[in-house]
Protein backbone atom coordinates (compact mmCIF):
# COMPACT_ATOMS: atom_id res chain seq x y z
CA MET A 1 14.84 -19.95 16.24
CA TRP A 2 11.31 -19.25 14.89
CA ASP A 3 9.91 -18.93 18.39
CA ASP A 4 12.57 -16.38 19.46
CA PRO A 5 11.22 -12.88 18.63
CA GLU A 6 14.65 -11.21 19.02
CA LYS A 7 16.27 -13.58 16.50
CA MET A 8 13.36 -13.05 14.11
CA ARG A 9 13.80 -9.24 14.30
CA LYS A 10 17.51 -9.63 13.51
CA ILE A 11 16.77 -11.93 10.57
CA ILE A 12 14.17 -9.52 9.20
CA ALA A 13 16.59 -6.60 9.62
CA LEU A 14 19.31 -8.51 7.76
CA LEU A 15 16.94 -9.49 4.95
CA SER A 16 15.82 -5.86 4.62
CA LEU A 17 19.43 -4.72 4.45
CA PHE A 18 20.19 -7.29 1.74
CA ALA A 19 17.13 -6.20 -0.22
CA LEU A 20 18.30 -2.58 -0.10
CA LEU A 21 21.82 -3.54 -1.14
CA LEU A 22 20.40 -5.50 -4.08
CA GLY A 23 18.47 -2.44 -5.22
CA ALA A 24 14.99 -3.21 -3.99
CA SER A 25 13.11 -0.01 -3.25
CA PRO A 26 11.72 0.59 0.22
CA ALA A 27 7.98 0.42 0.71
CA ALA A 28 6.21 3.50 -0.62
CA ALA A 29 4.44 5.84 1.71
CA GLU A 30 0.71 5.43 2.10
CA THR A 31 -1.37 7.74 -0.08
CA PRO A 32 -3.23 10.23 2.12
CA ALA A 33 -7.00 9.78 2.14
CA VAL A 34 -10.07 11.90 2.75
CA GLY A 35 -10.10 12.91 6.40
CA ASP A 36 -6.29 12.87 6.72
CA LYS A 37 -4.21 15.98 7.27
CA ALA A 38 -2.19 16.47 4.09
CA PRO A 39 1.53 15.85 4.67
CA ASP A 40 3.43 19.11 4.40
CA PHE A 41 6.16 19.54 1.79
CA THR A 42 8.34 22.25 0.31
CA LEU A 43 9.16 22.30 -3.39
CA ARG A 44 10.78 24.79 -5.74
CA SER A 45 8.80 26.85 -8.24
CA LEU A 46 9.96 27.45 -11.80
CA ASP A 47 11.44 30.79 -10.75
CA GLY A 48 13.42 29.18 -7.90
CA ARG A 49 11.23 30.13 -4.92
CA GLN A 50 10.72 27.58 -2.14
CA VAL A 51 6.98 27.02 -1.70
CA SER A 52 5.51 24.97 1.14
CA LEU A 53 2.07 23.44 1.25
CA SER A 54 1.41 24.77 4.75
CA THR A 55 2.19 28.37 3.75
CA VAL A 56 -0.06 28.29 0.68
CA ASN A 57 -2.80 26.42 2.57
CA ALA A 58 -2.77 29.00 5.39
CA ALA A 59 -4.41 31.45 2.97
CA GLY A 60 -7.41 29.18 2.43
CA PRO A 61 -8.50 25.97 0.75
CA LEU A 62 -6.46 24.60 -2.09
CA ALA A 63 -6.48 22.13 -4.94
CA LEU A 64 -3.34 20.00 -5.13
CA VAL A 65 -2.86 18.45 -8.57
CA MET A 66 -0.26 15.76 -9.27
CA LEU A 67 0.82 15.72 -12.91
CA ARG A 68 2.83 13.06 -14.72
CA GLY A 69 5.77 15.30 -15.57
CA TYR A 70 7.86 14.21 -18.53
CA PRO A 71 7.81 10.41 -18.95
CA GLY A 72 9.62 10.77 -22.30
CA TYR A 73 6.97 13.14 -23.70
CA GLN A 74 4.72 15.94 -22.45
CA CYS A 75 1.52 14.26 -21.27
CA PRO A 76 -1.41 15.54 -23.38
CA VAL A 77 -3.94 14.68 -20.66
CA CYS A 78 -1.94 16.70 -18.10
CA ASN A 79 -1.84 19.56 -20.60
CA ARG A 80 -5.63 19.48 -20.98
CA GLN A 81 -6.17 19.30 -17.23
CA VAL A 82 -3.87 22.25 -16.49
CA ASN A 83 -5.50 24.31 -19.25
CA ASP A 84 -8.94 23.43 -17.82
CA PHE A 85 -7.88 24.68 -14.38
CA LEU A 86 -6.40 27.86 -15.88
CA GLN A 87 -9.60 28.54 -17.82
CA ASN A 88 -11.54 28.22 -14.55
CA ALA A 89 -9.19 30.44 -12.52
CA VAL A 90 -12.00 32.90 -11.71
CA GLY A 91 -13.95 30.13 -9.95
CA PHE A 92 -10.97 29.26 -7.75
CA ASP A 93 -10.38 32.94 -7.01
CA LYS A 94 -14.03 33.51 -6.03
CA ALA A 95 -13.80 30.54 -3.67
CA GLY A 96 -10.66 32.01 -2.08
CA ALA A 97 -8.74 28.91 -3.16
CA GLN A 98 -5.29 28.40 -4.55
CA VAL A 99 -4.02 25.69 -6.85
CA ILE A 100 -0.72 23.81 -6.70
CA PHE A 101 0.41 21.78 -9.70
CA VAL A 102 3.25 19.32 -8.98
CA TYR A 103 5.46 18.35 -11.95
CA PRO A 104 7.62 15.30 -11.06
CA GLY A 105 10.66 13.78 -12.68
CA PRO A 106 14.33 12.98 -12.47
CA SER A 107 16.37 15.98 -11.32
CA GLU A 108 18.33 16.31 -14.56
CA GLN A 109 16.41 18.28 -17.19
CA LEU A 110 13.35 18.70 -14.95
CA GLN A 111 13.55 22.51 -15.05
CA ALA A 112 13.86 22.51 -18.86
CA ARG A 113 10.99 20.06 -19.32
CA ALA A 114 8.76 22.02 -16.94
CA GLU A 115 9.54 25.26 -18.78
CA GLU A 116 8.64 23.48 -22.03
CA PHE A 117 5.34 22.32 -20.49
CA THR A 118 4.41 25.80 -19.24
CA ALA A 119 5.70 27.80 -22.22
CA ASP A 120 2.19 28.47 -23.57
CA LYS A 121 0.57 28.97 -20.14
CA THR A 122 0.16 32.00 -17.89
CA LEU A 123 -0.39 31.19 -14.24
CA PRO A 124 -2.78 33.60 -12.54
CA THR A 125 -2.34 34.77 -8.97
CA GLY A 126 -2.99 31.89 -6.59
CA PHE A 127 -1.70 29.23 -9.01
CA HIS A 128 1.66 27.57 -8.27
CA PHE A 129 3.65 25.28 -10.55
CA LEU A 130 6.17 23.30 -8.47
CA LEU A 131 8.95 20.91 -9.44
CA ASP A 132 9.34 17.52 -7.78
CA PRO A 133 12.95 16.53 -8.53
CA GLY A 134 13.73 12.92 -7.75
CA TYR A 135 10.10 12.22 -6.83
CA GLU A 136 10.33 13.50 -3.23
CA PHE A 137 6.69 14.65 -3.11
CA THR A 138 5.56 11.75 -5.31
CA ASN A 139 7.01 9.24 -2.86
CA LEU A 140 5.78 11.17 0.21
CA TYR A 141 2.22 10.91 -1.13
CA GLY A 142 2.60 7.29 -2.32
CA LEU A 143 1.94 8.25 -5.95
CA ARG A 144 5.04 6.84 -7.67
CA TRP A 145 4.07 4.96 -10.84
CA ASP A 146 7.29 3.04 -11.20
CA ALA A 147 6.95 1.51 -14.66
CA PRO A 148 8.61 2.16 -18.02
CA ARG A 149 7.67 5.62 -19.37
CA GLU A 150 5.74 6.49 -16.20
CA THR A 151 6.45 8.86 -13.33
CA ALA A 152 3.47 9.37 -11.03
CA TYR A 153 -0.18 8.46 -10.78
CA PRO A 154 -2.25 11.53 -11.67
CA ALA A 155 -4.09 12.71 -8.58
CA THR A 156 -6.11 15.61 -7.25
CA PHE A 157 -6.64 16.51 -3.61
CA LEU A 158 -8.83 19.25 -2.18
CA LEU A 159 -7.72 20.59 1.20
CA ASP A 160 -9.76 22.76 3.53
CA LYS A 161 -8.09 25.72 5.24
CA ALA A 162 -6.96 23.48 8.11
CA GLY A 163 -5.08 21.22 5.69
CA LYS A 164 -7.53 18.33 5.95
CA ILE A 165 -8.18 16.41 2.75
CA VAL A 166 -11.87 16.71 1.89
CA PHE A 167 -11.65 15.19 -1.60
CA ALA A 168 -9.14 12.86 -3.24
CA LYS A 169 -9.04 11.26 -6.66
CA ILE A 170 -6.11 9.09 -7.71
CA SER A 171 -6.06 7.64 -11.20
CA ASP A 172 -4.48 4.30 -12.02
CA SER A 173 -4.22 5.28 -15.68
CA HIS A 174 -3.41 8.37 -17.73
CA GLY A 175 -7.05 9.46 -17.69
CA GLY A 176 -9.52 9.70 -14.85
CA ARG A 177 -8.64 13.32 -14.09
CA THR A 178 -10.60 15.72 -11.97
CA ALA A 179 -12.19 18.58 -13.92
CA ALA A 180 -11.82 22.14 -12.68
CA ALA A 181 -15.60 22.63 -12.56
CA GLU A 182 -15.88 19.66 -10.19
CA MET A 183 -13.27 21.20 -7.88
CA VAL A 184 -14.94 24.63 -7.96
CA ALA A 185 -18.29 23.00 -7.04
CA LYS A 186 -16.64 21.15 -4.15
CA LEU A 187 -15.06 24.42 -2.99
CA ALA A 188 -18.50 26.07 -2.95
CA ALA A 189 -19.74 23.23 -0.73
CA LEU A 190 -16.95 23.98 1.80
CA ARG A 191 -18.39 27.41 2.62
């Protein structure tokens, strides 16, 4: 049996099916790396618009920022990072860049939690705050932090106008975030 490749494929397929039936999650997607083309996605904004990465990226380079969403509380480090990017909006605008923030979480109450997170924030032109219900984007980018009171690994990607990732930073903790000034400097280097 072990030397018959066809029987082995059938056994592996059956074991995979059993694992799925028992609730094991399928393997996560690979996190895109520097040099990769960023996988396209479409998510909904707070006001209900469908926004796709490829459409936003067609206008120029962009910073893609993965937040932690609402893992039972509003993440203070995410709050600081978003405020830092908002305070540096002029630098992104001068570089012709846009910013996408992705706020992940379970579908139920995601809109309300995101509105709570953004209540004291004004997004300038070129900044997009998108909802990731059910972790679709999070899983597509291999960023799911599947542990109690966690949602996603914080991450920042910088894409050139062609959609190629020229910078990536993925944190394995709540900290380790990319500062807006660092992104603006990297954007200047793209010119």
